[in-house]
Amino acid sequence: MSVEGSDRVGSVAEEAARLLGVFAAGMPEAHLLAAGSRAAGETPTAHACPECGHDPHAASSGDSVCRICPICRVLNVVKAISPETLDKIADVVDLVSEGLRGFAANRRTETPPPAPTGGEQPQEPV
């Protein structure tokens, strides 16, 4: 995603402006208006995405799928995955969480190494 001449790193304001430009370039006007309405404090419609304001039920000439906010993007990916694959992913996540819980329990029961006494200098590991 590198464009010639755009690889230099600018100030925070310049980088933020570049990021907003990238988002705005790929965003339909309806999405820009929804984001502006949300920023202005207007209440979104009942079906609108809480993150980006995209309303898939609204009549628009653009795409009916939000491709901007991370919530809609994750939901679109999850909808495309088969239920069997989701079950396997859930099993892996469960296995990892059990492993982390076991690791945390072992860390809680470990005794800390004895503190150096008096004139002894702690030895650095080799």
N, C-alpha and C. Protein backbone atom coordinates (compact mmCIF):
# COMPACT_ATOMS: atom_id res chain seq x y z
N MET A 1 0.83 -1.16 0.00
CA MET A 1 0.00 0.00 0.00
C MET A 1 0.88 1.23 0.00
N SER A 2 1.94 1.16 -0.71
CA SER A 2 2.89 2.25 -0.75
C SER A 2 2.75 2.99 -2.07
N VAL A 3 2.60 4.29 -1.98
CA VAL A 3 2.49 5.13 -3.15
C VAL A 3 3.76 5.95 -3.24
N GLU A 4 4.30 6.07 -4.44
CA GLU A 4 5.55 6.79 -4.60
C GLU A 4 5.43 8.20 -4.04
N GLY A 5 6.39 8.58 -3.21
CA GLY A 5 6.40 9.91 -2.63
C GLY A 5 5.62 10.02 -1.34
N SER A 6 4.91 8.95 -0.93
CA SER A 6 4.13 9.03 0.29
C SER A 6 4.73 8.19 1.41
N ASP A 7 5.95 7.71 1.23
CA ASP A 7 6.57 6.86 2.24
C ASP A 7 7.22 7.64 3.37
N ARG A 8 7.40 8.93 3.20
CA ARG A 8 8.04 9.68 4.28
C ARG A 8 7.04 9.84 5.42
N VAL A 9 7.55 9.89 6.62
CA VAL A 9 6.71 10.04 7.80
C VAL A 9 6.66 11.50 8.17
N GLY A 10 5.46 12.03 8.32
CA GLY A 10 5.28 13.43 8.66
C GLY A 10 4.92 13.60 10.12
N SER A 11 4.48 14.78 10.45
CA SER A 11 4.05 15.05 11.82
C SER A 11 2.77 14.28 12.10
N VAL A 12 2.35 14.28 13.34
CA VAL A 12 1.13 13.56 13.71
C VAL A 12 -0.06 14.12 12.95
N ALA A 13 -0.13 15.45 12.83
CA ALA A 13 -1.24 16.07 12.11
C ALA A 13 -1.23 15.67 10.64
N GLU A 14 -0.05 15.64 10.02
CA GLU A 14 0.04 15.25 8.61
C GLU A 14 -0.38 13.79 8.42
N GLU A 15 0.07 12.92 9.33
CA GLU A 15 -0.28 11.51 9.22
C GLU A 15 -1.78 11.30 9.44
N ALA A 16 -2.36 12.04 10.39
CA ALA A 16 -3.80 11.94 10.62
C ALA A 16 -4.57 12.42 9.39
N ALA A 17 -4.11 13.50 8.78
CA ALA A 17 -4.78 14.01 7.57
C ALA A 17 -4.68 13.00 6.43
N ARG A 18 -3.52 12.36 6.30
CA ARG A 18 -3.36 11.34 5.25
C ARG A 18 -4.30 10.16 5.50
N LEU A 19 -4.40 9.74 6.77
CA LEU A 19 -5.27 8.62 7.11
C LEU A 19 -6.73 8.96 6.82
N LEU A 20 -7.16 10.15 7.21
CA LEU A 20 -8.53 10.57 6.92
C LEU A 20 -8.77 10.66 5.42
N GLY A 21 -7.77 11.10 4.67
CA GLY A 21 -7.90 11.17 3.22
C GLY A 21 -8.09 9.79 2.61
N VAL A 22 -7.36 8.80 3.13
CA VAL A 22 -7.50 7.43 2.62
C VAL A 22 -8.90 6.91 2.92
N PHE A 23 -9.38 7.13 4.14
CA PHE A 23 -10.73 6.67 4.48
C PHE A 23 -11.79 7.39 3.66
N ALA A 24 -11.67 8.70 3.53
CA ALA A 24 -12.68 9.48 2.82
C ALA A 24 -12.71 9.13 1.33
N ALA A 25 -11.56 8.77 0.76
CA ALA A 25 -11.50 8.45 -0.66
C ALA A 25 -12.31 7.20 -0.99
N GLY A 26 -12.34 6.24 -0.08
CA GLY A 26 -13.05 4.99 -0.34
C GLY A 26 -14.43 4.94 0.27
N MET A 27 -14.87 6.03 0.85
CA MET A 27 -16.14 6.05 1.57
C MET A 27 -17.22 6.74 0.74
N PRO A 28 -18.38 6.09 0.56
CA PRO A 28 -19.47 6.76 -0.14
C PRO A 28 -19.95 7.99 0.64
N GLU A 29 -20.58 8.89 -0.08
CA GLU A 29 -21.02 10.14 0.54
C GLU A 29 -22.00 9.88 1.69
N ALA A 30 -22.83 8.85 1.57
CA ALA A 30 -23.79 8.54 2.63
C ALA A 30 -23.07 8.21 3.94
N HIS A 31 -21.93 7.52 3.84
CA HIS A 31 -21.16 7.18 5.03
C HIS A 31 -20.55 8.44 5.64
N LEU A 32 -20.05 9.33 4.80
CA LEU A 32 -19.47 10.57 5.31
C LEU A 32 -20.54 11.39 6.03
N LEU A 33 -21.74 11.46 5.46
CA LEU A 33 -22.83 12.21 6.10
C LEU A 33 -23.23 11.56 7.42
N ALA A 34 -23.28 10.23 7.46
CA ALA A 34 -23.64 9.54 8.71
C ALA A 34 -22.59 9.79 9.78
N ALA A 35 -21.32 9.76 9.40
CA ALA A 35 -20.26 10.03 10.37
C ALA A 35 -20.34 11.46 10.87
N GLY A 36 -20.64 12.40 10.00
CA GLY A 36 -20.78 13.80 10.41
C GLY A 36 -21.97 13.99 11.33
N SER A 37 -23.07 13.31 11.04
CA SER A 37 -24.25 13.40 11.90
C SER A 37 -23.96 12.85 13.29
N ARG A 38 -23.24 11.73 13.32
CA ARG A 38 -22.89 11.13 14.60
C ARG A 38 -21.97 12.04 15.40
N ALA A 39 -21.01 12.66 14.73
CA ALA A 39 -20.10 13.58 15.41
C ALA A 39 -20.83 14.82 15.92
N ALA A 40 -21.90 15.21 15.22
CA ALA A 40 -22.67 16.39 15.63
C ALA A 40 -23.64 16.07 16.77
N GLY A 41 -23.74 14.81 17.15
CA GLY A 41 -24.59 14.44 18.27
C GLY A 41 -26.01 14.08 17.89
N GLU A 42 -26.29 13.96 16.60
CA GLU A 42 -27.63 13.57 16.17
C GLU A 42 -27.83 12.09 16.44
N THR A 43 -29.07 11.71 16.73
CA THR A 43 -29.34 10.31 17.03
C THR A 43 -29.35 9.49 15.75
N PRO A 44 -28.64 8.36 15.75
CA PRO A 44 -28.63 7.51 14.56
C PRO A 44 -29.93 6.73 14.45
N THR A 45 -30.17 6.17 13.28
CA THR A 45 -31.37 5.35 13.10
C THR A 45 -31.20 4.05 13.86
N ALA A 46 -32.29 3.34 14.05
CA ALA A 46 -32.27 2.12 14.87
C ALA A 46 -31.40 1.03 14.25
N HIS A 47 -31.27 1.01 12.93
CA HIS A 47 -30.51 -0.05 12.28
C HIS A 47 -29.08 0.35 11.98
N ALA A 48 -28.69 1.52 12.36
CA ALA A 48 -27.35 2.00 12.00
C ALA A 48 -26.29 1.33 12.86
N CYS A 49 -25.12 1.16 12.26
CA CYS A 49 -23.97 0.62 12.97
C CYS A 49 -23.55 1.61 14.05
N PRO A 50 -23.31 1.16 15.28
CA PRO A 50 -22.92 2.10 16.34
C PRO A 50 -21.54 2.68 16.13
N GLU A 51 -20.71 2.04 15.33
CA GLU A 51 -19.35 2.51 15.12
C GLU A 51 -19.25 3.55 14.02
N CYS A 52 -19.84 3.27 12.87
CA CYS A 52 -19.66 4.15 11.71
C CYS A 52 -20.93 4.86 11.28
N GLY A 53 -22.09 4.45 11.80
CA GLY A 53 -23.34 5.08 11.41
C GLY A 53 -23.96 4.52 10.15
N HIS A 54 -23.37 3.50 9.57
CA HIS A 54 -23.87 2.90 8.34
C HIS A 54 -25.22 2.23 8.59
N ASP A 55 -26.20 2.54 7.75
CA ASP A 55 -27.53 1.94 7.86
C ASP A 55 -27.76 1.08 6.62
N PRO A 56 -27.65 -0.25 6.75
CA PRO A 56 -27.82 -1.11 5.58
C PRO A 56 -29.23 -1.10 5.02
N HIS A 57 -30.22 -0.63 5.80
CA HIS A 57 -31.61 -0.61 5.35
C HIS A 57 -31.98 0.72 4.69
N ALA A 58 -31.10 1.69 4.76
CA ALA A 58 -31.39 3.00 4.17
C ALA A 58 -31.30 2.91 2.66
N ALA A 59 -32.14 3.67 1.98
CA ALA A 59 -32.10 3.70 0.52
C ALA A 59 -30.91 4.54 0.10
N SER A 60 -29.97 3.89 -0.58
CA SER A 60 -28.80 4.62 -1.07
C SER A 60 -28.35 3.99 -2.37
N SER A 61 -27.66 4.77 -3.14
CA SER A 61 -27.18 4.25 -4.42
C SER A 61 -25.89 3.47 -4.25
N GLY A 62 -25.29 3.55 -3.07
CA GLY A 62 -24.01 2.90 -2.82
C GLY A 62 -24.17 1.45 -2.40
N ASP A 63 -23.09 0.91 -1.93
CA ASP A 63 -23.04 -0.47 -1.48
C ASP A 63 -23.83 -0.62 -0.17
N SER A 64 -24.52 -1.74 0.01
CA SER A 64 -25.30 -1.93 1.22
C SER A 64 -24.48 -2.56 2.34
N VAL A 65 -23.19 -2.74 2.12
CA VAL A 65 -22.32 -3.33 3.12
C VAL A 65 -21.28 -2.30 3.55
N CYS A 66 -21.20 -2.04 4.84
CA CYS A 66 -20.20 -1.11 5.36
C CYS A 66 -18.83 -1.76 5.26
N ARG A 67 -17.88 -1.05 4.72
CA ARG A 67 -16.52 -1.56 4.60
C ARG A 67 -15.54 -0.67 5.35
N ILE A 68 -16.05 0.16 6.25
CA ILE A 68 -15.21 1.14 6.92
C ILE A 68 -14.88 0.74 8.35
N CYS A 69 -15.89 0.57 9.18
CA CYS A 69 -15.62 0.37 10.61
C CYS A 69 -15.22 -1.08 10.89
N PRO A 70 -14.43 -1.29 11.93
CA PRO A 70 -13.97 -2.64 12.24
C PRO A 70 -15.10 -3.58 12.66
N ILE A 71 -16.14 -3.07 13.28
CA ILE A 71 -17.24 -3.93 13.71
C ILE A 71 -17.93 -4.55 12.50
N CYS A 72 -18.31 -3.72 11.53
CA CYS A 72 -18.98 -4.24 10.33
C CYS A 72 -18.05 -5.16 9.53
N ARG A 73 -16.78 -4.83 9.47
CA ARG A 73 -15.84 -5.66 8.71
C ARG A 73 -15.72 -7.04 9.34
N VAL A 74 -15.61 -7.10 10.68
CA VAL A 74 -15.52 -8.39 11.36
C VAL A 74 -16.81 -9.18 11.16
N LEU A 75 -17.96 -8.51 11.29
CA LEU A 75 -19.23 -9.21 11.09
C LEU A 75 -19.35 -9.76 9.68
N ASN A 76 -18.90 -9.01 8.68
CA ASN A 76 -18.95 -9.50 7.30
C ASN A 76 -18.06 -10.71 7.10
N VAL A 77 -16.89 -10.73 7.75
CA VAL A 77 -16.00 -11.88 7.64
C VAL A 77 -16.61 -13.09 8.33
N VAL A 78 -17.17 -12.87 9.53
CA VAL A 78 -17.76 -13.98 10.28
C VAL A 78 -18.95 -14.57 9.53
N LYS A 79 -19.73 -13.73 8.86
CA LYS A 79 -20.87 -14.23 8.09
C LYS A 79 -20.42 -15.11 6.93
N ALA A 80 -19.22 -14.88 6.42
CA ALA A 80 -18.73 -15.63 5.27
C ALA A 80 -18.10 -16.97 5.68
N ILE A 81 -17.82 -17.15 6.96
CA ILE A 81 -17.16 -18.37 7.44
C ILE A 81 -18.23 -19.42 7.75
N SER A 82 -17.94 -20.67 7.42
CA SER A 82 -18.90 -21.74 7.67
C SER A 82 -19.03 -22.00 9.17
N PRO A 83 -20.19 -22.49 9.61
CA PRO A 83 -20.38 -22.78 11.04
C PRO A 83 -19.39 -23.80 11.59
N GLU A 84 -18.99 -24.77 10.77
CA GLU A 84 -18.03 -25.77 11.23
C GLU A 84 -16.68 -25.12 11.52
N THR A 85 -16.28 -24.19 10.66
CA THR A 85 -15.01 -23.49 10.87
C THR A 85 -15.09 -22.63 12.11
N LEU A 86 -16.22 -21.97 12.33
CA LEU A 86 -16.39 -21.16 13.54
C LEU A 86 -16.31 -22.03 14.79
N ASP A 87 -16.87 -23.24 14.74
CA ASP A 87 -16.76 -24.16 15.88
C ASP A 87 -15.30 -24.51 16.17
N LYS A 88 -14.53 -24.77 15.11
CA LYS A 88 -13.12 -25.10 15.30
C LYS A 88 -12.34 -23.91 15.86
N ILE A 89 -12.64 -22.72 15.37
CA ILE A 89 -11.98 -21.52 15.89
C ILE A 89 -12.33 -21.33 17.36
N ALA A 90 -13.60 -21.54 17.72
CA ALA A 90 -14.02 -21.41 19.12
C ALA A 90 -13.30 -22.43 20.00
N ASP A 91 -13.10 -23.66 19.49
CA ASP A 91 -12.37 -24.68 20.25
C ASP A 91 -10.93 -24.25 20.49
N VAL A 92 -10.29 -23.68 19.48
CA VAL A 92 -8.90 -23.22 19.62
C VAL A 92 -8.83 -22.08 20.64
N VAL A 93 -9.76 -21.14 20.56
CA VAL A 93 -9.77 -20.03 21.51
C VAL A 93 -9.98 -20.55 22.92
N ASP A 94 -10.87 -21.53 23.09
CA ASP A 94 -11.12 -22.12 24.40
C ASP A 94 -9.87 -22.81 24.93
N LEU A 95 -9.17 -23.55 24.07
CA LEU A 95 -7.95 -24.23 24.46
C LEU A 95 -6.88 -23.23 24.91
N VAL A 96 -6.73 -22.16 24.16
CA VAL A 96 -5.74 -21.13 24.51
C VAL A 96 -6.11 -20.47 25.84
N SER A 97 -7.39 -20.18 26.03
CA SER A 97 -7.79 -19.53 27.29
C SER A 97 -7.56 -20.45 28.48
N GLU A 98 -7.82 -21.75 28.33
CA GLU A 98 -7.54 -22.69 29.42
C GLU A 98 -6.05 -22.75 29.72
N GLY A 99 -5.23 -22.73 28.68
CA GLY A 99 -3.78 -22.72 28.89
C GLY A 99 -3.31 -21.48 29.62
N LEU A 100 -3.87 -20.33 29.24
CA LEU A 100 -3.49 -19.09 29.92
C LEU A 100 -3.96 -19.08 31.37
N ARG A 101 -5.15 -19.63 31.64
CA ARG A 101 -5.62 -19.71 33.02
C ARG A 101 -4.70 -20.61 33.85
N GLY A 102 -4.30 -21.73 33.29
CA GLY A 102 -3.37 -22.63 33.99
C GLY A 102 -2.03 -21.97 34.25
N PHE A 103 -1.53 -21.25 33.26
CA PHE A 103 -0.26 -20.54 33.41
C PHE A 103 -0.37 -19.49 34.52
N ALA A 104 -1.48 -18.75 34.53
CA ALA A 104 -1.68 -17.72 35.57
C ALA A 104 -1.78 -18.36 36.95
N ALA A 105 -2.46 -19.51 37.05
CA ALA A 105 -2.58 -20.19 38.34
C ALA A 105 -1.22 -20.65 38.83
N ASN A 106 -0.39 -21.17 37.93
CA ASN A 106 0.96 -21.58 38.32
C ASN A 106 1.80 -20.40 38.77
N ARG A 107 1.66 -19.29 38.10
CA ARG A 107 2.42 -18.09 38.49
C ARG A 107 2.00 -17.59 39.87
N ARG A 108 0.70 -17.73 40.19
CA ARG A 108 0.23 -17.29 41.51
C ARG A 108 0.79 -18.16 42.63
N THR A 109 0.96 -19.46 42.38
CA THR A 109 1.42 -20.38 43.43
C THR A 109 2.93 -20.43 43.54
N GLU A 110 3.66 -19.91 42.57
CA GLU A 110 5.12 -19.91 42.65
C GLU A 110 5.58 -19.03 43.79
N THR A 111 6.66 -19.47 44.45
CA THR A 111 7.24 -18.63 45.49
C THR A 111 8.31 -17.76 44.85
N PRO A 112 8.37 -16.50 45.24
CA PRO A 112 9.38 -15.62 44.66
C PRO A 112 10.77 -16.03 45.13
N PRO A 113 11.82 -15.78 44.34
CA PRO A 113 13.18 -16.13 44.75
C PRO A 113 13.54 -15.33 46.00
N PRO A 114 14.38 -15.92 46.88
CA PRO A 114 14.76 -15.20 48.10
C PRO A 114 15.52 -13.92 47.77
N ALA A 115 15.26 -12.90 48.57
CA ALA A 115 15.93 -11.62 48.37
C ALA A 115 17.37 -11.74 48.87
N PRO A 116 18.32 -11.05 48.23
CA PRO A 116 19.71 -11.10 48.70
C PRO A 116 19.81 -10.51 50.11
N THR A 117 20.66 -11.12 50.92
CA THR A 117 20.82 -10.65 52.30
C THR A 117 22.09 -9.84 52.46
N GLY A 118 22.01 -8.85 53.27
CA GLY A 118 23.16 -8.04 53.70
C GLY A 118 24.14 -7.68 52.61
N GLY A 119 25.38 -8.20 52.73
CA GLY A 119 26.47 -7.79 51.85
C GLY A 119 26.56 -8.58 50.56
N GLU A 120 25.71 -9.55 50.39
CA GLU A 120 25.79 -10.33 49.16
C GLU A 120 25.32 -9.50 47.98
N GLN A 121 26.07 -9.58 46.91
CA GLN A 121 25.68 -8.91 45.67
C GLN A 121 24.92 -9.90 44.81
N PRO A 122 23.80 -9.49 44.26
CA PRO A 122 23.08 -10.41 43.38
C PRO A 122 23.91 -10.70 42.14
N GLN A 123 23.91 -11.96 41.75
CA GLN A 123 24.66 -12.35 40.57
C GLN A 123 23.80 -12.18 39.34
N GLU A 124 24.42 -11.66 38.29
CA GLU A 124 23.70 -11.50 37.03
C GLU A 124 23.71 -12.82 36.29
N PRO A 125 22.64 -13.14 35.62
CA PRO A 125 22.63 -14.39 34.84
C PRO A 125 23.65 -14.33 33.72
N VAL A 126 24.20 -15.50 33.44
CA VAL A 126 25.24 -15.57 32.42
C VAL A 126 24.66 -15.79 31.07
